[in-house]
Every structure is written in C-alpha cells, then in structure tokens.
Amino acid sequence: QIVWSPIAQGVLTGKYLPGQPPPAGSRATDSTGGNFISR
C-alpha cells in the first residue's frame, strides 16, 4: 500500500477544534479540499 491522507487532510494535526470554525487558509476552507474533509 502507498497510502494517501495519513493525517486525514489535516484533521489529525489537531488544528481543527470542536465548536469552532476552521482556521483561515486551512484545507477545510479550500474549494477543492473542503468537501473532502467536511465529513
């Protein structure tokens, strides 16, 4: 296996906090990557 998204598009860095909006400029706010990690 050559695995992609080992940090779950940044979710596993801990930078996304419960109850708070995603940090400005993060993958979650990007038009391409945002849909992928929203779940």
PDB file of all heavy atoms in Angstrom:
ATOM      1  N   GLN A   1       0.850  -1.192   0.000  1.00  0.00           N
ATOM      2  CA  GLN A   1       0.000   0.000   0.000  1.00  0.00           C
ATOM      3  C   GLN A   1       0.888   1.245   0.000  1.00  0.00           C
ATOM      4  O   GLN A   1       1.878   1.313   0.734  1.00  0.00           O
ATOM      5  CB  GLN A   1      -0.905   0.031   1.235  1.00  0.00           C
ATOM      6  CG  GLN A   1      -1.658  -1.250   1.513  1.00  0.00           C
ATOM      7  CD  GLN A   1      -2.512  -1.727   0.371  1.00  0.00           C
ATOM      8  OE1 GLN A   1      -3.262  -0.947  -0.218  1.00  0.00           O
ATOM      9  NE2 GLN A   1      -2.408  -3.011   0.034  1.00  0.00           N
ATOM     10  N   ILE A   2       0.540   2.192  -0.855  1.00  0.00           N
ATOM     11  CA  ILE A   2       1.140   3.530  -0.818  1.00  0.00           C
ATOM     12  C   ILE A   2      -0.007   4.431  -0.375  1.00  0.00           C
ATOM     13  O   ILE A   2      -0.906   4.717  -1.165  1.00  0.00           O
ATOM     14  CB  ILE A   2       1.649   3.968  -2.202  1.00  0.00           C
ATOM     15  CG1 ILE A   2       2.575   2.918  -2.813  1.00  0.00           C
ATOM     16  CG2 ILE A   2       2.341   5.320  -2.122  1.00  0.00           C
ATOM     17  CD1 ILE A   2       2.725   3.053  -4.311  1.00  0.00           C
ATOM     18  N   VAL A   3      -0.036   4.846   0.866  1.00  0.00           N
ATOM     19  CA  VAL A   3      -1.266   5.416   1.416  1.00  0.00           C
ATOM     20  C   VAL A   3      -1.318   6.937   1.315  1.00  0.00           C
ATOM     21  O   VAL A   3      -0.316   7.619   1.512  1.00  0.00           O
ATOM     22  CB  VAL A   3      -1.486   4.960   2.870  1.00  0.00           C
ATOM     23  CG1 VAL A   3      -1.503   3.438   2.941  1.00  0.00           C
ATOM     24  CG2 VAL A   3      -0.441   5.511   3.821  1.00  0.00           C
ATOM     25  N   TRP A   4      -2.503   7.430   0.986  1.00  0.00           N
ATOM     26  CA  TRP A   4      -2.695   8.876   0.933  1.00  0.00           C
ATOM     27  C   TRP A   4      -3.575   9.343   2.096  1.00  0.00           C
ATOM     28  O   TRP A   4      -4.298   8.559   2.683  1.00  0.00           O
ATOM     29  CB  TRP A   4      -3.267   9.323  -0.405  1.00  0.00           C
ATOM     30  CG  TRP A   4      -4.593   8.771  -0.827  1.00  0.00           C
ATOM     31  CD1 TRP A   4      -4.817   7.605  -1.499  1.00  0.00           C
ATOM     32  CD2 TRP A   4      -5.874   9.387  -0.672  1.00  0.00           C
ATOM     33  NE1 TRP A   4      -6.160   7.445  -1.748  1.00  0.00           N
ATOM     34  CE2 TRP A   4      -6.827   8.521  -1.261  1.00  0.00           C
ATOM     35  CE3 TRP A   4      -6.315  10.582  -0.089  1.00  0.00           C
ATOM     36  CZ2 TRP A   4      -8.192   8.812  -1.283  1.00  0.00           C
ATOM     37  CZ3 TRP A   4      -7.673  10.868  -0.110  1.00  0.00           C
ATOM     38  CH2 TRP A   4      -8.584   9.998  -0.705  1.00  0.00           C
ATOM     39  N   SER A   5      -3.440  10.590   2.422  1.00  0.00           N
ATOM     40  CA  SER A   5      -4.167  11.222   3.525  1.00  0.00           C
ATOM     41  C   SER A   5      -3.898  10.584   4.886  1.00  0.00           C
ATOM     42  O   SER A   5      -4.825  10.344   5.660  1.00  0.00           O
ATOM     43  CB  SER A   5      -5.673  11.216   3.235  1.00  0.00           C
ATOM     44  OG  SER A   5      -6.347  12.133   4.053  1.00  0.00           O
ATOM     45  N   PRO A   6      -2.633  10.304   5.237  1.00  0.00           N
ATOM     46  CA  PRO A   6      -2.354   9.710   6.547  1.00  0.00           C
ATOM     47  C   PRO A   6      -2.701  10.631   7.713  1.00  0.00           C
ATOM     48  O   PRO A   6      -2.921  10.151   8.823  1.00  0.00           O
ATOM     49  CB  PRO A   6      -0.850   9.422   6.499  1.00  0.00           C
ATOM     50  CG  PRO A   6      -0.309  10.392   5.501  1.00  0.00           C
ATOM     51  CD  PRO A   6      -1.394  10.524   4.460  1.00  0.00           C
ATOM     52  N   ILE A   7      -2.756  11.940   7.470  1.00  0.00           N
ATOM     53  CA  ILE A   7      -3.167  12.852   8.540  1.00  0.00           C
ATOM     54  C   ILE A   7      -4.599  13.351   8.322  1.00  0.00           C
ATOM     55  O   ILE A   7      -5.014  14.359   8.893  1.00  0.00           O
ATOM     56  CB  ILE A   7      -2.195  14.036   8.714  1.00  0.00           C
ATOM     57  CG1 ILE A   7      -2.077  14.864   7.443  1.00  0.00           C
ATOM     58  CG2 ILE A   7      -0.826  13.551   9.157  1.00  0.00           C
ATOM     59  CD1 ILE A   7      -1.231  16.125   7.613  1.00  0.00           C
ATOM     60  N   ALA A   8      -5.345  12.595   7.477  1.00  0.00           N
ATOM     61  CA  ALA A   8      -6.766  12.892   7.251  1.00  0.00           C
ATOM     62  C   ALA A   8      -6.981  14.343   6.828  1.00  0.00           C
ATOM     63  O   ALA A   8      -7.798  15.061   7.403  1.00  0.00           O
ATOM     64  CB  ALA A   8      -7.596  12.552   8.489  1.00  0.00           C
ATOM     65  N   GLN A   9      -6.219  14.753   5.804  1.00  0.00           N
ATOM     66  CA  GLN A   9      -6.322  16.107   5.267  1.00  0.00           C
ATOM     67  C   GLN A   9      -6.143  17.180   6.330  1.00  0.00           C
ATOM     68  O   GLN A   9      -6.729  18.259   6.250  1.00  0.00           O
ATOM     69  CB  GLN A   9      -7.664  16.299   4.542  1.00  0.00           C
ATOM     70  CG  GLN A   9      -7.838  15.381   3.355  1.00  0.00           C
ATOM     71  CD  GLN A   9      -6.776  15.602   2.285  1.00  0.00           C
ATOM     72  OE1 GLN A   9      -6.709  16.660   1.681  1.00  0.00           O
ATOM     73  NE2 GLN A   9      -5.939  14.606   2.067  1.00  0.00           N
ATOM     74  N   GLY A  10      -5.331  16.879   7.340  1.00  0.00           N
ATOM     75  CA  GLY A  10      -5.018  17.853   8.380  1.00  0.00           C
ATOM     76  C   GLY A  10      -5.828  17.692   9.651  1.00  0.00           C
ATOM     77  O   GLY A  10      -5.498  18.287  10.679  1.00  0.00           O
ATOM     78  N   VAL A  11      -6.891  16.870   9.614  1.00  0.00           N
ATOM     79  CA  VAL A  11      -7.731  16.699  10.806  1.00  0.00           C
ATOM     80  C   VAL A  11      -6.915  16.136  11.959  1.00  0.00           C
ATOM     81  O   VAL A  11      -7.069  16.551  13.117  1.00  0.00           O
ATOM     82  CB  VAL A  11      -8.941  15.784  10.495  1.00  0.00           C
ATOM     83  CG1 VAL A  11      -9.702  15.436  11.772  1.00  0.00           C
ATOM     84  CG2 VAL A  11      -9.866  16.470   9.493  1.00  0.00           C
ATOM     85  N   LEU A  12      -6.004  15.200  11.653  1.00  0.00           N
ATOM     86  CA  LEU A  12      -5.222  14.560  12.714  1.00  0.00           C
ATOM     87  C   LEU A  12      -4.060  15.414  13.227  1.00  0.00           C
ATOM     88  O   LEU A  12      -3.338  14.992  14.122  1.00  0.00           O
ATOM     89  CB  LEU A  12      -4.712  13.202  12.241  1.00  0.00           C
ATOM     90  CG  LEU A  12      -5.797  12.111  12.149  1.00  0.00           C
ATOM     91  CD1 LEU A  12      -5.273  10.869  11.446  1.00  0.00           C
ATOM     92  CD2 LEU A  12      -6.325  11.764  13.544  1.00  0.00           C
ATOM     93  N   THR A  13      -3.904  16.614  12.698  1.00  0.00           N
ATOM     94  CA  THR A  13      -2.922  17.531  13.287  1.00  0.00           C
ATOM     95  C   THR A  13      -3.470  18.182  14.551  1.00  0.00           C
ATOM     96  O   THR A  13      -2.715  18.761  15.332  1.00  0.00           O
ATOM     97  CB  THR A  13      -2.529  18.655  12.307  1.00  0.00           C
ATOM     98  OG1 THR A  13      -3.678  19.492  12.060  1.00  0.00           O
ATOM     99  CG2 THR A  13      -1.992  18.088  11.000  1.00  0.00           C
ATOM    100  N   GLY A  14      -4.786  18.118  14.719  1.00  0.00           N
ATOM    101  CA  GLY A  14      -5.407  18.740  15.878  1.00  0.00           C
ATOM    102  C   GLY A  14      -5.704  20.211  15.710  1.00  0.00           C
ATOM    103  O   GLY A  14      -6.163  20.862  16.652  1.00  0.00           O
ATOM    104  N   LYS A  15      -5.489  20.754  14.494  1.00  0.00           N
ATOM    105  CA  LYS A  15      -5.700  22.198  14.315  1.00  0.00           C
ATOM    106  C   LYS A  15      -7.173  22.574  14.193  1.00  0.00           C
ATOM    107  O   LYS A  15      -7.543  23.737  14.364  1.00  0.00           O
ATOM    108  CB  LYS A  15      -4.933  22.698  13.096  1.00  0.00           C
ATOM    109  CG  LYS A  15      -5.434  22.188  11.756  1.00  0.00           C
ATOM    110  CD  LYS A  15      -4.544  22.715  10.627  1.00  0.00           C
ATOM    111  CE  LYS A  15      -4.954  22.153   9.278  1.00  0.00           C
ATOM    112  NZ  LYS A  15      -4.027  22.607   8.210  1.00  0.00           N
ATOM    113  N   TYR A  16      -8.019  21.590  13.888  1.00  0.00           N
ATOM    114  CA  TYR A  16      -9.457  21.851  13.825  1.00  0.00           C
ATOM    115  C   TYR A  16     -10.064  21.559  15.197  1.00  0.00           C
ATOM    116  O   TYR A  16      -9.941  20.446  15.712  1.00  0.00           O
ATOM    117  CB  TYR A  16     -10.116  20.971  12.761  1.00  0.00           C
ATOM    118  CG  TYR A  16      -9.601  21.241  11.361  1.00  0.00           C
ATOM    119  CD1 TYR A  16      -8.705  20.366  10.747  1.00  0.00           C
ATOM    120  CD2 TYR A  16     -10.010  22.370  10.664  1.00  0.00           C
ATOM    121  CE1 TYR A  16      -8.239  20.606   9.469  1.00  0.00           C
ATOM    122  CE2 TYR A  16      -9.546  22.632   9.383  1.00  0.00           C
ATOM    123  CZ  TYR A  16      -8.656  21.744   8.788  1.00  0.00           C
ATOM    124  OH  TYR A  16      -8.180  22.000   7.520  1.00  0.00           O
ATOM    125  N   LEU A  17     -10.706  22.550  15.788  1.00  0.00           N
ATOM    126  CA  LEU A  17     -11.197  22.434  17.162  1.00  0.00           C
ATOM    127  C   LEU A  17     -12.712  22.288  17.190  1.00  0.00           C
ATOM    128  O   LEU A  17     -13.427  22.941  16.412  1.00  0.00           O
ATOM    129  CB  LEU A  17     -10.780  23.667  17.966  1.00  0.00           C
ATOM    130  CG  LEU A  17      -9.271  23.920  18.043  1.00  0.00           C
ATOM    131  CD1 LEU A  17      -8.991  25.239  18.776  1.00  0.00           C
ATOM    132  CD2 LEU A  17      -8.559  22.762  18.726  1.00  0.00           C
ATOM    133  N   PRO A  18     -13.229  21.442  18.088  1.00  0.00           N
ATOM    134  CA  PRO A  18     -14.686  21.268  18.175  1.00  0.00           C
ATOM    135  C   PRO A  18     -15.371  22.573  18.547  1.00  0.00           C
ATOM    136  O   PRO A  18     -14.890  23.339  19.386  1.00  0.00           O
ATOM    137  CB  PRO A  18     -14.845  20.219  19.283  1.00  0.00           C
ATOM    138  CG  PRO A  18     -13.561  20.223  20.046  1.00  0.00           C
ATOM    139  CD  PRO A  18     -12.504  20.607  19.074  1.00  0.00           C
ATOM    140  N   GLY A  19     -16.482  22.825  17.854  1.00  0.00           N
ATOM    141  CA  GLY A  19     -17.265  24.011  18.165  1.00  0.00           C
ATOM    142  C   GLY A  19     -16.711  25.306  17.612  1.00  0.00           C
ATOM    143  O   GLY A  19     -17.247  26.375  17.881  1.00  0.00           O
ATOM    144  N   GLN A  20     -15.622  25.228  16.820  1.00  0.00           N
ATOM    145  CA  GLN A  20     -15.012  26.434  16.260  1.00  0.00           C
ATOM    146  C   GLN A  20     -14.898  26.310  14.743  1.00  0.00           C
ATOM    147  O   GLN A  20     -14.736  25.202  14.218  1.00  0.00           O
ATOM    148  CB  GLN A  20     -13.624  26.669  16.871  1.00  0.00           C
ATOM    149  CG  GLN A  20     -13.640  26.921  18.364  1.00  0.00           C
ATOM    150  CD  GLN A  20     -12.273  27.322  18.887  1.00  0.00           C
ATOM    151  OE1 GLN A  20     -11.445  27.871  18.160  1.00  0.00           O
ATOM    152  NE2 GLN A  20     -12.031  27.048  20.160  1.00  0.00           N
ATOM    153  N   PRO A  21     -14.956  27.438  14.027  1.00  0.00           N
ATOM    154  CA  PRO A  21     -14.813  27.375  12.569  1.00  0.00           C
ATOM    155  C   PRO A  21     -13.387  26.978  12.189  1.00  0.00           C
ATOM    156  O   PRO A  21     -12.448  27.172  12.965  1.00  0.00           O
ATOM    157  CB  PRO A  21     -15.134  28.808  12.125  1.00  0.00           C
ATOM    158  CG  PRO A  21     -14.833  29.656  13.324  1.00  0.00           C
ATOM    159  CD  PRO A  21     -15.184  28.811  14.517  1.00  0.00           C
ATOM    160  N   PRO A  22     -13.203  26.393  11.006  1.00  0.00           N
ATOM    161  CA  PRO A  22     -11.855  26.014  10.564  1.00  0.00           C
ATOM    162  C   PRO A  22     -10.941  27.237  10.478  1.00  0.00           C
ATOM    163  O   PRO A  22     -11.397  28.347  10.162  1.00  0.00           O
ATOM    164  CB  PRO A  22     -12.088  25.424   9.173  1.00  0.00           C
ATOM    165  CG  PRO A  22     -13.539  25.059   9.136  1.00  0.00           C
ATOM    166  CD  PRO A  22     -14.230  26.052  10.011  1.00  0.00           C
ATOM    167  N   PRO A  23      -9.663  27.077  10.764  1.00  0.00           N
ATOM    168  CA  PRO A  23      -8.728  28.194  10.652  1.00  0.00           C
ATOM    169  C   PRO A  23      -8.689  28.746   9.233  1.00  0.00           C
ATOM    170  O   PRO A  23      -8.806  27.986   8.261  1.00  0.00           O
ATOM    171  CB  PRO A  23      -7.375  27.560  11.030  1.00  0.00           C
ATOM    172  CG  PRO A  23      -7.715  26.320  11.785  1.00  0.00           C
ATOM    173  CD  PRO A  23      -9.009  25.835  11.225  1.00  0.00           C
ATOM    174  N   ALA A  24      -8.531  30.048   9.106  1.00  0.00           N
ATOM    175  CA  ALA A  24      -8.442  30.677   7.788  1.00  0.00           C
ATOM    176  C   ALA A  24      -7.263  30.097   7.017  1.00  0.00           C
ATOM    177  O   ALA A  24      -6.181  29.897   7.573  1.00  0.00           O
ATOM    178  CB  ALA A  24      -8.276  32.187   7.943  1.00  0.00           C
ATOM    179  N   GLY A  25      -7.494  29.807   5.745  1.00  0.00           N
ATOM    180  CA  GLY A  25      -6.423  29.292   4.891  1.00  0.00           C
ATOM    181  C   GLY A  25      -6.180  27.806   5.037  1.00  0.00           C
ATOM    182  O   GLY A  25      -5.282  27.260   4.387  1.00  0.00           O
ATOM    183  N   SER A  26      -6.966  27.105   5.863  1.00  0.00           N
ATOM    184  CA  SER A  26      -6.775  25.671   6.046  1.00  0.00           C
ATOM    185  C   SER A  26      -7.434  24.895   4.913  1.00  0.00           C
ATOM    186  O   SER A  26      -8.218  25.439   4.133  1.00  0.00           O
ATOM    187  CB  SER A  26      -7.365  25.225   7.393  1.00  0.00           C
ATOM    188  OG  SER A  26      -8.766  25.396   7.399  1.00  0.00           O
ATOM    189  N   ARG A  27      -7.131  23.591   4.852  1.00  0.00           N
ATOM    190  CA  ARG A  27      -7.694  22.748   3.807  1.00  0.00           C
ATOM    191  C   ARG A  27      -9.226  22.766   3.823  1.00  0.00           C
ATOM    192  O   ARG A  27      -9.862  22.702   2.775  1.00  0.00           O
ATOM    193  CB  ARG A  27      -7.177  21.310   3.983  1.00  0.00           C
ATOM    194  CG  ARG A  27      -7.655  20.294   2.966  1.00  0.00           C
ATOM    195  CD  ARG A  27      -7.134  20.563   1.572  1.00  0.00           C
ATOM    196  NE  ARG A  27      -5.700  20.678   1.503  1.00  0.00           N
ATOM    197  CZ  ARG A  27      -4.844  19.654   1.412  1.00  0.00           C
ATOM    198  NH1 ARG A  27      -5.290  18.423   1.407  1.00  0.00           N
ATOM    199  NH2 ARG A  27      -3.538  19.872   1.321  1.00  0.00           N
ATOM    200  N   ALA A  28      -9.804  22.864   4.989  1.00  0.00           N
ATOM    201  CA  ALA A  28     -11.267  22.838   5.104  1.00  0.00           C
ATOM    202  C   ALA A  28     -11.921  24.049   4.456  1.00  0.00           C
ATOM    203  O   ALA A  28     -13.104  24.015   4.114  1.00  0.00           O
ATOM    204  CB  ALA A  28     -11.673  22.753   6.570  1.00  0.00           C
ATOM    205  N   THR A  29     -11.178  25.139   4.283  1.00  0.00           N
ATOM    206  CA  THR A  29     -11.740  26.337   3.669  1.00  0.00           C
ATOM    207  C   THR A  29     -11.422  26.422   2.183  1.00  0.00           C
ATOM    208  O   THR A  29     -11.873  27.334   1.505  1.00  0.00           O
ATOM    209  CB  THR A  29     -11.201  27.609   4.355  1.00  0.00           C
ATOM    210  OG1 THR A  29      -9.771  27.685   4.169  1.00  0.00           O
ATOM    211  CG2 THR A  29     -11.510  27.593   5.841  1.00  0.00           C
ATOM    212  N   ASP A  30     -10.651  25.453   1.671  1.00  0.00           N
ATOM    213  CA  ASP A  30     -10.280  25.446   0.260  1.00  0.00           C
ATOM    214  C   ASP A  30     -11.419  24.857  -0.572  1.00  0.00           C
ATOM    215  O   ASP A  30     -12.036  23.870  -0.187  1.00  0.00           O
ATOM    216  CB  ASP A  30      -8.998  24.625   0.059  1.00  0.00           C
ATOM    217  CG  ASP A  30      -8.556  24.599  -1.393  1.00  0.00           C
ATOM    218  OD1 ASP A  30      -7.985  25.589  -1.866  1.00  0.00           O
ATOM    219  OD2 ASP A  30      -8.806  23.574  -2.054  1.00  0.00           O
ATOM    220  N   SER A  31     -11.679  25.438  -1.725  1.00  0.00           N
ATOM    221  CA  SER A  31     -12.801  24.985  -2.546  1.00  0.00           C
ATOM    222  C   SER A  31     -12.619  23.556  -3.038  1.00  0.00           C
ATOM    223  O   SER A  31     -13.598  22.841  -3.278  1.00  0.00           O
ATOM    224  CB  SER A  31     -12.983  25.917  -3.751  1.00  0.00           C
ATOM    225  OG  SER A  31     -11.799  25.944  -4.545  1.00  0.00           O
ATOM    226  N   THR A  32     -11.365  23.120  -3.193  1.00  0.00           N
ATOM    227  CA  THR A  32     -11.101  21.762  -3.679  1.00  0.00           C
ATOM    228  C   THR A  32     -11.108  20.763  -2.539  1.00  0.00           C
ATOM    229  O   THR A  32     -11.714  19.693  -2.629  1.00  0.00           O
ATOM    230  CB  THR A  32      -9.739  21.694  -4.397  1.00  0.00           C
ATOM    231  OG1 THR A  32      -9.708  22.701  -5.415  1.00  0.00           O
ATOM    232  CG2 THR A  32      -9.532  20.342  -5.032  1.00  0.00           C
ATOM    233  N   GLY A  33     -10.415  21.079  -1.461  1.00  0.00           N
ATOM    234  CA  GLY A  33     -10.273  20.117  -0.378  1.00  0.00           C
ATOM    235  C   GLY A  33     -11.368  20.144   0.660  1.00  0.00           C
ATOM    236  O   GLY A  33     -11.558  19.185   1.404  1.00  0.00           O
ATOM    237  N   GLY A  34     -12.123  21.251   0.723  1.00  0.00           N
ATOM    238  CA  GLY A  34     -13.103  21.399   1.775  1.00  0.00           C
ATOM    239  C   GLY A  34     -14.180  20.334   1.778  1.00  0.00           C
ATOM    240  O   GLY A  34     -14.561  19.817   2.833  1.00  0.00           O
ATOM    241  N   ASN A  35     -14.691  19.999   0.602  1.00  0.00           N
ATOM    242  CA  ASN A  35     -15.749  18.994   0.525  1.00  0.00           C
ATOM    243  C   ASN A  35     -15.263  17.637   1.007  1.00  0.00           C
ATOM    244  O   ASN A  35     -16.011  16.869   1.612  1.00  0.00           O
ATOM    245  CB  ASN A  35     -16.262  18.875  -0.911  1.00  0.00           C
ATOM    246  CG  ASN A  35     -17.023  20.114  -1.346  1.00  0.00           C
ATOM    247  OD1 ASN A  35     -17.549  20.833  -0.513  1.00  0.00           O
ATOM    248  ND2 ASN A  35     -17.054  20.357  -2.645  1.00  0.00           N
ATOM    249  N   PHE A  36     -13.996  17.351   0.742  1.00  0.00           N
ATOM    250  CA  PHE A  36     -13.458  16.035   1.077  1.00  0.00           C
ATOM    251  C   PHE A  36     -13.403  15.813   2.587  1.00  0.00           C
ATOM    252  O   PHE A  36     -13.697  14.725   3.064  1.00  0.00           O
ATOM    253  CB  PHE A  36     -12.060  15.887   0.470  1.00  0.00           C
ATOM    254  CG  PHE A  36     -11.414  14.564   0.755  1.00  0.00           C
ATOM    255  CD1 PHE A  36     -11.757  13.441   0.030  1.00  0.00           C
ATOM    256  CD2 PHE A  36     -10.484  14.432   1.770  1.00  0.00           C
ATOM    257  CE1 PHE A  36     -11.183  12.213   0.314  1.00  0.00           C
ATOM    258  CE2 PHE A  36      -9.905  13.218   2.057  1.00  0.00           C
ATOM    259  CZ  PHE A  36     -10.260  12.099   1.318  1.00  0.00           C
ATOM    260  N   ILE A  37     -13.024  16.830   3.343  1.00  0.00           N
ATOM    261  CA  ILE A  37     -12.837  16.612   4.774  1.00  0.00           C
ATOM    262  C   ILE A  37     -14.035  17.014   5.623  1.00  0.00           C
ATOM    263  O   ILE A  37     -14.039  16.811   6.831  1.00  0.00           O
ATOM    264  CB  ILE A  37     -11.582  17.337   5.309  1.00  0.00           C
ATOM    265  CG1 ILE A  37     -11.770  18.859   5.323  1.00  0.00           C
ATOM    266  CG2 ILE A  37     -10.363  16.963   4.537  1.00  0.00           C
ATOM    267  CD1 ILE A  37     -10.685  19.557   6.092  1.00  0.00           C
ATOM    268  N   SER A  38     -15.070  17.548   4.989  1.00  0.00           N
ATOM    269  CA  SER A  38     -16.203  18.048   5.764  1.00  0.00           C
ATOM    270  C   SER A  38     -16.844  16.961   6.625  1.00  0.00           C
ATOM    271  O   SER A  38     -17.307  17.228   7.736  1.00  0.00           O
ATOM    272  CB  SER A  38     -17.256  18.652   4.829  1.00  0.00           C
ATOM    273  OG  SER A  38     -17.727  17.691   3.901  1.00  0.00           O
ATOM    274  N   ARG A  39     -16.829  15.702   6.131  1.00  0.00           N
ATOM    275  CA  ARG A  39     -17.456  14.617   6.892  1.00  0.00           C
ATOM    276  C   ARG A  39     -16.702  14.305   8.183  1.00  0.00           C
ATOM    277  O   ARG A  39     -17.222  13.630   9.062  1.00  0.00           O
ATOM    278  CB  ARG A  39     -17.538  13.357   6.028  1.00  0.00           C
ATOM    279  CG  ARG A  39     -16.193  12.889   5.517  1.00  0.00           C
ATOM    280  CD  ARG A  39     -16.321  11.652   4.630  1.00  0.00           C
ATOM    281  NE  ARG A  39     -15.112  11.369   3.896  1.00  0.00           N
ATOM    282  CZ  ARG A  39     -14.022  10.855   4.391  1.00  0.00           C
ATOM    283  NH1 ARG A  39     -13.969  10.573   5.688  1.00  0.00           N
ATOM    284  NH2 ARG A  39     -12.958  10.638   3.655  1.00  0.00           N
TER     285      ARG A  39
END
